[in-house]
């Protein structure tokens, strides 16, 4: 999960944590504002803030599925997210 996250939110959280013992660098940030719980967006709750979002993400809620050994993700773009890795 930490080396190859399959959800953009997980990728953003991991990228926002400084690495100990390495040269200082810019941290990743999750753009935008979390949605109001009273006005959740249609589809994936993270789609307004996700750089990987597609039309499917805006229309449907992704199902939780196996993406590796002991690893599940609810993301239509989990392969693309995993390939992008985490910038540190």
C-alpha atoms as a PDB file:
ATOM      1  CA  UNK A   1       0.000   0.000   0.000  1.00  0.00           C
ATOM      2  CA  UNK A   2       2.758   2.482   0.860  1.00  0.00           C
ATOM      3  CA  UNK A   3       4.932   1.750  -2.196  1.00  0.00           C
ATOM      4  CA  UNK A   4       2.111   1.422  -4.754  1.00  0.00           C
ATOM      5  CA  UNK A   5      -1.105   3.035  -3.503  1.00  0.00           C
ATOM      6  CA  UNK A   6      -4.139   2.271  -5.659  1.00  0.00           C
ATOM      7  CA  UNK A   7      -6.303   5.250  -4.651  1.00  0.00           C
ATOM      8  CA  UNK A   8      -5.463   8.897  -5.328  1.00  0.00           C
ATOM      9  CA  UNK A   9      -6.412   9.918  -1.770  1.00  0.00           C
ATOM     10  CA  UNK A  10      -4.005   7.363  -0.288  1.00  0.00           C
ATOM     11  CA  UNK A  11      -1.340   8.545  -2.751  1.00  0.00           C
ATOM     12  CA  UNK A  12      -1.882  12.142  -1.592  1.00  0.00           C
ATOM     13  CA  UNK A  13      -1.721  11.251   2.098  1.00  0.00           C
ATOM     14  CA  UNK A  14       1.495   9.276   1.694  1.00  0.00           C
ATOM     15  CA  UNK A  15       3.035  12.030  -0.428  1.00  0.00           C
ATOM     16  CA  UNK A  16       2.258  14.639   2.222  1.00  0.00           C
ATOM     17  CA  UNK A  17       4.405  12.957   4.876  1.00  0.00           C
ATOM     18  CA  UNK A  18       8.089  13.988   5.031  1.00  0.00           C
ATOM     19  CA  UNK A  19      10.657  11.217   4.600  1.00  0.00           C
ATOM     20  CA  UNK A  20      13.088  10.892   7.468  1.00  0.00           C
ATOM     21  CA  UNK A  21      16.787  10.777   6.689  1.00  0.00           C
ATOM     22  CA  UNK A  22      16.523  12.111   3.151  1.00  0.00           C
ATOM     23  CA  UNK A  23      17.086  15.492   1.544  1.00  0.00           C
ATOM     24  CA  UNK A  24      14.290  17.988   2.155  1.00  0.00           C
ATOM     25  CA  UNK A  25      11.847  18.336  -0.729  1.00  0.00           C
ATOM     26  CA  UNK A  26       8.407  19.714  -1.481  1.00  0.00           C
ATOM     27  CA  UNK A  27       5.566  17.645  -0.076  1.00  0.00           C
ATOM     28  CA  UNK A  28       2.579  16.611  -2.156  1.00  0.00           C
ATOM     29  CA  UNK A  29      -0.675  18.333  -1.330  1.00  0.00           C
ATOM     30  CA  UNK A  30      -4.272  17.302  -1.909  1.00  0.00           C
ATOM     31  CA  UNK A  31      -5.830  20.233  -3.746  1.00  0.00           C
ATOM     32  CA  UNK A  32      -9.279  21.573  -3.004  1.00  0.00           C
ATOM     33  CA  UNK A  33     -11.568  21.362  -0.014  1.00  0.00           C
ATOM     34  CA  UNK A  34     -13.146  18.210   1.411  1.00  0.00           C
ATOM     35  CA  UNK A  35     -16.864  18.019   0.585  1.00  0.00           C
ATOM     36  CA  UNK A  36     -19.565  18.793   3.104  1.00  0.00           C
ATOM     37  CA  UNK A  37     -21.050  15.603   4.534  1.00  0.00           C
ATOM     38  CA  UNK A  38     -24.456  17.165   3.855  1.00  0.00           C
ATOM     39  CA  UNK A  39     -23.612  17.695   0.156  1.00  0.00           C
ATOM     40  CA  UNK A  40     -21.478  14.794  -1.000  1.00  0.00           C
ATOM     41  CA  UNK A  41     -20.625  14.790  -4.716  1.00  0.00           C
ATOM     42  CA  UNK A  42     -22.232  12.276  -7.049  1.00  0.00           C
ATOM     43  CA  UNK A  43     -20.034   9.247  -7.756  1.00  0.00           C
ATOM     44  CA  UNK A  44     -16.720   8.817  -5.972  1.00  0.00           C
ATOM     45  CA  UNK A  45     -16.557  11.205  -3.014  1.00  0.00           C
ATOM     46  CA  UNK A  46     -12.960  12.114  -3.948  1.00  0.00           C
ATOM     47  CA  UNK A  47     -13.610  12.854  -7.652  1.00  0.00           C
ATOM     48  CA  UNK A  48     -13.703  16.697  -7.392  1.00  0.00           C
ATOM     49  CA  UNK A  49     -10.172  16.673  -5.918  1.00  0.00           C
ATOM     50  CA  UNK A  50      -8.711  13.775  -7.943  1.00  0.00           C
ATOM     51  CA  UNK A  51      -6.350  14.324 -10.869  1.00  0.00           C
ATOM     52  CA  UNK A  52      -7.168  10.795 -12.121  1.00  0.00           C
ATOM     53  CA  UNK A  53     -10.977  11.272 -12.155  1.00  0.00           C
ATOM     54  CA  UNK A  54     -12.937  10.334 -15.265  1.00  0.00           C
ATOM     55  CA  UNK A  55     -16.598  10.609 -16.193  1.00  0.00           C
ATOM     56  CA  UNK A  56     -17.220   7.208 -14.559  1.00  0.00           C
ATOM     57  CA  UNK A  57     -15.824   8.593 -11.284  1.00  0.00           C
ATOM     58  CA  UNK A  58     -18.271  11.489 -11.485  1.00  0.00           C
ATOM     59  CA  UNK A  59     -21.286   9.244 -12.115  1.00  0.00           C
ATOM     60  CA  UNK A  60     -20.813   6.021 -10.114  1.00  0.00           C
ATOM     61  CA  UNK A  61     -19.460   4.976  -6.736  1.00  0.00           C
ATOM     62  CA  UNK A  62     -16.619   2.468  -7.285  1.00  0.00           C
ATOM     63  CA  UNK A  63     -16.889  -0.905  -5.578  1.00  0.00           C
ATOM     64  CA  UNK A  64     -14.163  -2.125  -3.235  1.00  0.00           C
ATOM     65  CA  UNK A  65     -12.126  -4.741  -5.125  1.00  0.00           C
ATOM     66  CA  UNK A  66      -8.974  -6.803  -4.726  1.00  0.00           C
ATOM     67  CA  UNK A  67      -6.007  -5.092  -6.405  1.00  0.00           C
ATOM     68  CA  UNK A  68      -3.224  -7.231  -4.952  1.00  0.00           C
ATOM     69  CA  UNK A  69      -2.416  -9.590  -2.117  1.00  0.00           C
ATOM     70  CA  UNK A  70      -4.135  -8.228   0.999  1.00  0.00           C
ATOM     71  CA  UNK A  71      -4.802  -4.959  -0.834  1.00  0.00           C
ATOM     72  CA  UNK A  72      -8.196  -3.569  -1.842  1.00  0.00           C
ATOM     73  CA  UNK A  73      -9.229  -0.261  -3.379  1.00  0.00           C
ATOM     74  CA  UNK A  74     -12.473   1.434  -4.374  1.00  0.00           C
ATOM     75  CA  UNK A  75     -11.178   3.316  -7.407  1.00  0.00           C
ATOM     76  CA  UNK A  76     -11.948   3.042 -11.121  1.00  0.00           C
ATOM     77  CA  UNK A  77      -8.440   4.298 -11.921  1.00  0.00           C
ATOM     78  CA  UNK A  78      -6.495   2.142  -9.432  1.00  0.00           C
ATOM     79  CA  UNK A  79      -4.059   0.859 -12.098  1.00  0.00           C
ATOM     80  CA  UNK A  80      -3.167   4.388 -13.257  1.00  0.00           C
ATOM     81  CA  UNK A  81      -2.775   5.586  -9.668  1.00  0.00           C
ATOM     82  CA  UNK A  82      -0.475   2.640  -8.824  1.00  0.00           C
ATOM     83  CA  UNK A  83       1.643   3.265 -11.939  1.00  0.00           C
ATOM     84  CA  UNK A  84       2.022   6.944 -11.030  1.00  0.00           C
ATOM     85  CA  UNK A  85       3.565   6.001  -7.677  1.00  0.00           C
ATOM     86  CA  UNK A  86       4.247   8.530  -4.942  1.00  0.00           C
ATOM     87  CA  UNK A  87       6.536  11.543  -5.341  1.00  0.00           C
ATOM     88  CA  UNK A  88       8.815  12.060  -2.370  1.00  0.00           C
END
